[in-house]
Amino acid sequence: MKTTVIDVSNPANPLRVGGCDTSGGALGVAVSGNYAYLAYHDAGLQVIDVSNPSNPRRVGGNSAFGDGEVVVAGTNVFVAARFDGLMILDLFRASLRLELLPPQQPGSFRFLVRGLFGLSVRVLRSVNLRDWEDWQTLTLGATPSS
């Protein structure tokens, strides 16, 4: 099944601008910021990044409950799941990914930080995993930070 993104900026002339594969037909839809939250009968809640409407992509979800209506309010997503009652979830937050790279010198380490473009990330370090200190602040760009 395909989820379709429709531009309704001109209600008299809605236009299909993109789509992505999802499971079945959504029973409830809510949009907040760059994310669409879709409630499905068999697949629970799916989160679609629509920041690029011509190329939406699934970025998360929760399949622990069945279908229902979905509403976004404040920092929560509310899903009235038919058999599971009211589910209250935190809004989706794009994740960070750390990827280990081969060291350039013995005893050193390198890694990439990937995440949402323009996101400011604070990196901390510790020598004992108990005491932490600020190390660097990164603003993520179009290419990974290392």
C-alpha atoms as a PDB file:
ATOM      1  CA  MET A   1       0.000   0.000   0.000  1.00  0.00           C
ATOM      2  CA  LYS A   2       1.200   3.523  -0.656  1.00  0.00           C
ATOM      3  CA  THR A   3       0.812   6.522   1.634  1.00  0.00           C
ATOM      4  CA  THR A   4       0.282   9.619  -0.471  1.00  0.00           C
ATOM      5  CA  VAL A   5       1.322  13.195   0.319  1.00  0.00           C
ATOM      6  CA  ILE A   6      -1.135  15.732  -1.046  1.00  0.00           C
ATOM      7  CA  ASP A   7      -0.499  19.487  -1.240  1.00  0.00           C
ATOM      8  CA  VAL A   8      -3.739  21.178  -0.139  1.00  0.00           C
ATOM      9  CA  SER A   9      -2.422  24.751  -0.130  1.00  0.00           C
ATOM     10  CA  ASN A  10      -5.042  25.376  -2.830  1.00  0.00           C
ATOM     11  CA  PRO A  11      -8.088  23.398  -1.556  1.00  0.00           C
ATOM     12  CA  ALA A  12      -9.816  23.767  -4.921  1.00  0.00           C
ATOM     13  CA  ASN A  13      -6.898  22.007  -6.622  1.00  0.00           C
ATOM     14  CA  PRO A  14      -5.198  19.427  -4.353  1.00  0.00           C
ATOM     15  CA  LEU A  15      -2.062  17.930  -5.894  1.00  0.00           C
ATOM     16  CA  ARG A  16      -0.299  14.621  -5.241  1.00  0.00           C
ATOM     17  CA  VAL A  17       3.337  15.507  -4.538  1.00  0.00           C
ATOM     18  CA  GLY A  18       4.795  12.237  -3.241  1.00  0.00           C
ATOM     19  CA  GLY A  19       4.254   8.890  -1.589  1.00  0.00           C
ATOM     20  CA  CYS A  20       5.917   6.017   0.236  1.00  0.00           C
ATOM     21  CA  ASP A  21       5.141   2.374   0.933  1.00  0.00           C
ATOM     22  CA  THR A  22       3.322   1.690   4.215  1.00  0.00           C
ATOM     23  CA  SER A  23       1.131  -1.080   5.603  1.00  0.00           C
ATOM     24  CA  GLY A  24      -2.475  -0.851   4.512  1.00  0.00           C
ATOM     25  CA  GLY A  25      -4.780   2.145   4.716  1.00  0.00           C
ATOM     26  CA  ALA A  26      -4.471   4.572   7.608  1.00  0.00           C
ATOM     27  CA  LEU A  27      -7.542   4.982   9.829  1.00  0.00           C
ATOM     28  CA  GLY A  28      -6.252   8.138  11.510  1.00  0.00           C
ATOM     29  CA  VAL A  29      -3.770  10.813  10.426  1.00  0.00           C
ATOM     30  CA  ALA A  30      -2.241  13.814  12.220  1.00  0.00           C
ATOM     31  CA  VAL A  31       0.577  16.097  11.067  1.00  0.00           C
ATOM     32  CA  SER A  32       2.891  18.054  13.350  1.00  0.00           C
ATOM     33  CA  GLY A  33       5.949  19.883  12.052  1.00  0.00           C
ATOM     34  CA  ASN A  34       7.777  17.658   9.571  1.00  0.00           C
ATOM     35  CA  TYR A  35       6.098  14.428  10.694  1.00  0.00           C
ATOM     36  CA  ALA A  36       2.850  12.684   9.815  1.00  0.00           C
ATOM     37  CA  TYR A  37       1.493  10.217  12.383  1.00  0.00           C
ATOM     38  CA  LEU A  38      -0.657   7.461  10.846  1.00  0.00           C
ATOM     39  CA  ALA A  39      -2.718   4.923  12.795  1.00  0.00           C
ATOM     40  CA  TYR A  40      -3.227   1.597  11.006  1.00  0.00           C
ATOM     41  CA  HIS A  41      -5.473  -1.374  11.694  1.00  0.00           C
ATOM     42  CA  ASP A  42      -2.667  -3.966  11.573  1.00  0.00           C
ATOM     43  CA  ALA A  43       0.496  -1.874  12.014  1.00  0.00           C
ATOM     44  CA  GLY A  44      -0.196   0.450  14.961  1.00  0.00           C
ATOM     45  CA  LEU A  45       1.237   3.954  14.684  1.00  0.00           C
ATOM     46  CA  GLN A  46       3.725   4.813  11.938  1.00  0.00           C
ATOM     47  CA  VAL A  47       5.743   8.044  11.744  1.00  0.00           C
ATOM     48  CA  ILE A  48       6.496   9.478   8.305  1.00  0.00           C
ATOM     49  CA  ASP A  49       9.023  12.279   7.750  1.00  0.00           C
ATOM     50  CA  VAL A  50       7.352  14.654   5.272  1.00  0.00           C
ATOM     51  CA  SER A  51      10.028  17.379   5.364  1.00  0.00           C
ATOM     52  CA  ASN A  52      10.604  16.566   1.688  1.00  0.00           C
ATOM     53  CA  PRO A  53       6.985  16.042   0.525  1.00  0.00           C
ATOM     54  CA  SER A  54       8.036  14.566  -2.818  1.00  0.00           C
ATOM     55  CA  ASN A  55      10.062  11.884  -1.000  1.00  0.00           C
ATOM     56  CA  PRO A  56       8.404  11.027   2.355  1.00  0.00           C
ATOM     57  CA  ARG A  57       9.977   8.214   4.369  1.00  0.00           C
ATOM     58  CA  ARG A  58       9.006   6.094   7.345  1.00  0.00           C
ATOM     59  CA  VAL A  59      11.219   6.963  10.327  1.00  0.00           C
ATOM     60  CA  GLY A  60       9.568   5.241  13.270  1.00  0.00           C
ATOM     61  CA  GLY A  61       6.463   3.854  14.819  1.00  0.00           C
ATOM     62  CA  ASN A  62       4.894   1.694  17.492  1.00  0.00           C
ATOM     63  CA  SER A  63       3.108  -1.526  16.563  1.00  0.00           C
ATOM     64  CA  ALA A  64       2.198  -2.533  20.136  1.00  0.00           C
ATOM     65  CA  PHE A  65      -1.469  -1.593  19.728  1.00  0.00           C
ATOM     66  CA  GLY A  66      -4.192  -1.644  17.110  1.00  0.00           C
ATOM     67  CA  ASP A  67      -5.943   0.969  15.047  1.00  0.00           C
ATOM     68  CA  GLY A  68      -7.634   4.207  16.027  1.00  0.00           C
ATOM     69  CA  GLU A  69      -7.849   7.932  15.691  1.00  0.00           C
ATOM     70  CA  VAL A  70      -4.659   9.938  16.201  1.00  0.00           C
ATOM     71  CA  VAL A  71      -4.204  13.493  17.513  1.00  0.00           C
ATOM     72  CA  VAL A  72      -1.038  15.500  18.200  1.00  0.00           C
ATOM     73  CA  ALA A  73      -1.228  18.022  21.049  1.00  0.00           C
ATOM     74  CA  GLY A  74       1.664  19.669  22.856  1.00  0.00           C
ATOM     75  CA  THR A  75       4.493  17.150  23.099  1.00  0.00           C
ATOM     76  CA  ASN A  76       2.280  14.058  22.859  1.00  0.00           C
ATOM     77  CA  VAL A  77       0.629  11.833  20.285  1.00  0.00           C
ATOM     78  CA  PHE A  78      -2.738  10.481  21.438  1.00  0.00           C
ATOM     79  CA  VAL A  79      -4.066   7.323  19.797  1.00  0.00           C
ATOM     80  CA  ALA A  80      -7.578   6.103  20.607  1.00  0.00           C
ATOM     81  CA  ALA A  81      -6.861   2.435  19.954  1.00  0.00           C
ATOM     82  CA  ARG A  82     -10.079   0.468  19.510  1.00  0.00           C
ATOM     83  CA  PHE A  83      -9.150  -2.512  21.738  1.00  0.00           C
ATOM     84  CA  ASP A  84      -6.276  -1.057  23.752  1.00  0.00           C
ATOM     85  CA  GLY A  85      -7.772   2.191  25.065  1.00  0.00           C
ATOM     86  CA  LEU A  86      -6.054   5.570  24.934  1.00  0.00           C
ATOM     87  CA  MET A  87      -2.346   5.415  24.157  1.00  0.00           C
ATOM     88  CA  ILE A  88      -0.268   8.511  25.003  1.00  0.00           C
ATOM     89  CA  LEU A  89       3.165   8.658  23.371  1.00  0.00           C
ATOM     90  CA  ASP A  90       5.933  11.260  23.191  1.00  0.00           C
ATOM     91  CA  LEU A  91       6.265  13.028  19.862  1.00  0.00           C
ATOM     92  CA  PHE A  92       8.780  11.424  17.549  1.00  0.00           C
ATOM     93  CA  ARG A  93      12.250  12.910  17.874  1.00  0.00           C
ATOM     94  CA  ALA A  94      14.713  12.201  15.098  1.00  0.00           C
ATOM     95  CA  SER A  95      17.418   9.931  16.427  1.00  0.00           C
ATOM     96  CA  LEU A  96      21.149  10.412  16.425  1.00  0.00           C
ATOM     97  CA  ARG A  97      23.385   7.701  15.092  1.00  0.00           C
ATOM     98  CA  LEU A  98      26.983   7.162  16.115  1.00  0.00           C
ATOM     99  CA  GLU A  99      29.089   5.076  13.747  1.00  0.00           C
ATOM    100  CA  LEU A 100      32.473   3.802  14.837  1.00  0.00           C
ATOM    101  CA  LEU A 101      35.343   4.394  12.379  1.00  0.00           C
ATOM    102  CA  PRO A 102      38.748   2.711  12.284  1.00  0.00           C
ATOM    103  CA  PRO A 103      41.286   4.576  14.456  1.00  0.00           C
ATOM    104  CA  GLN A 104      43.977   6.636  12.742  1.00  0.00           C
ATOM    105  CA  GLN A 105      46.467   6.045  15.590  1.00  0.00           C
ATOM    106  CA  PRO A 106      46.793   3.232  18.141  1.00  0.00           C
ATOM    107  CA  GLY A 107      44.816   3.974  21.315  1.00  0.00           C
ATOM    108  CA  SER A 108      42.550   6.536  19.644  1.00  0.00           C
ATOM    109  CA  PHE A 109      39.005   6.284  18.382  1.00  0.00           C
ATOM    110  CA  ARG A 110      36.895   7.979  15.734  1.00  0.00           C
ATOM    111  CA  PHE A 111      33.184   8.106  15.101  1.00  0.00           C
ATOM    112  CA  LEU A 112      30.601   9.773  12.868  1.00  0.00           C
ATOM    113  CA  VAL A 113      27.564  11.593  14.206  1.00  0.00           C
ATOM    114  CA  ARG A 114      24.527  11.466  11.929  1.00  0.00           C
ATOM    115  CA  GLY A 115      21.162  13.088  12.499  1.00  0.00           C
ATOM    116  CA  LEU A 116      18.728  15.772  11.418  1.00  0.00           C
ATOM    117  CA  PHE A 117      20.312  18.553   9.331  1.00  0.00           C
ATOM    118  CA  GLY A 118      20.938  21.684  11.427  1.00  0.00           C
ATOM    119  CA  LEU A 119      20.489  19.872  14.748  1.00  0.00           C
ATOM    120  CA  SER A 120      22.818  21.106  17.501  1.00  0.00           C
ATOM    121  CA  VAL A 121      24.350  18.189  19.428  1.00  0.00           C
ATOM    122  CA  ARG A 122      26.360  18.330  22.631  1.00  0.00           C
ATOM    123  CA  VAL A 123      28.983  15.574  22.905  1.00  0.00           C
ATOM    124  CA  LEU A 124      30.188  14.609  26.384  1.00  0.00           C
ATOM    125  CA  ARG A 125      33.133  12.447  27.427  1.00  0.00           C
ATOM    126  CA  SER A 126      34.114  10.450  30.486  1.00  0.00           C
ATOM    127  CA  VAL A 127      37.164   8.520  31.616  1.00  0.00           C
ATOM    128  CA  ASN A 128      35.241   6.449  34.190  1.00  0.00           C
ATOM    129  CA  LEU A 129      31.595   6.405  32.973  1.00  0.00           C
ATOM    130  CA  ARG A 130      30.569   8.147  36.205  1.00  0.00           C
ATOM    131  CA  ASP A 131      31.859  11.691  35.749  1.00  0.00           C
ATOM    132  CA  TRP A 132      31.029  13.430  32.455  1.00  0.00           C
ATOM    133  CA  GLU A 133      32.219  16.672  30.923  1.00  0.00           C
ATOM    134  CA  ASP A 134      31.289  18.668  27.821  1.00  0.00           C
ATOM    135  CA  TRP A 135      33.651  17.873  24.975  1.00  0.00           C
ATOM    136  CA  GLN A 136      32.248  19.413  21.783  1.00  0.00           C
ATOM    137  CA  THR A 137      29.102  20.989  20.400  1.00  0.00           C
ATOM    138  CA  LEU A 138      28.309  20.069  16.804  1.00  0.00           C
ATOM    139  CA  THR A 139      25.792  21.448  14.358  1.00  0.00           C
ATOM    140  CA  LEU A 140      24.957  18.646  11.989  1.00  0.00           C
ATOM    141  CA  GLY A 141      25.258  19.426   8.303  1.00  0.00           C
ATOM    142  CA  ALA A 142      24.513  17.703   5.030  1.00  0.00           C
ATOM    143  CA  THR A 143      27.554  15.454   5.564  1.00  0.00           C
ATOM    144  CA  PRO A 144      28.267  13.473   8.749  1.00  0.00           C
ATOM    145  CA  SER A 145      30.369  15.079  11.478  1.00  0.00           C
ATOM    146  CA  SER A 146      33.410  13.156  12.635  1.00  0.00           C
END
